[in-house]
């Protein structure tokens, strides 16, 4: 009898651990940002890179936001905290979980999305009527919000650059920016690099800005080799690198009293044959 009870106890515990493990696998990234980084993070290898001005950048970046997690991470931050959302595709929140984790942004959800939908909404079908906007979710937690709709696997359009510059140029001195996209890599990396350039070019060389952001957790925007399992084409990677180089050149001349609007500068460069 005792052996039977022992086996039953072991079976119940095993099933319980299995269920908890499955739930952890399915929802861990919905409540904890594994790609979160701030500009004050300690990275040993940064000693070989020019870090001038890096620690003064009041900014962070990451994946689709769990606002309860982000609020805890930024408890030490005083002043307004502004979300810069770089996602162009449809997205929002269902019971605090980003819809990107439910695959609402794609017409072909993965197998991982379906049990998440079932557990969160009671069906594997999309339930858009349950979705609230990211702006609403952000404001519930005391964050300000800006959506700069950047196309996936691309770089900011002229309109996107104008929006970002408007935000950067009008920031309160004590504001903190949190940049994000779906995975906290492509678009988030571009926006963090742009912010670093705006604040620290030309004191810091572009190569150092790219390298230090990469060491903190961003994508290496100067690596244009197509990744083995990546979804970017080589042309997309090269175009993104070219954009960053152009933005650096634009900011350098802007700071010495040159052309102030990105679109005007691009037009001038095209007319002179430099683009």
Foldseek 3Di string as FASTA:
>chain_A
DVVVVVVVVVVVVVVVVVVVVLCCVLCVCQQEWPLKFALCDDFPVCVVFPCVPSNVAQEMETAPDQLVRVCVVCVVADDAEEEEEAAQFDWFDAPSGICVSLVPRDPDDDPSNQVVCCVRPVGSDDDVVRGDHNCVVQVVNRHHYDYQHDDPLAEHDLVSVVVLVVCLVPDDSRYHYYYYYHGREDHVLRSQLLSCLLVCPPVHPSVSSLVSSVSRRYDNLPDLDDDPPDDHDSVSSVNSNVVSVVSSVVSNQVVVPPDPRPVVVVVVCVVVPND
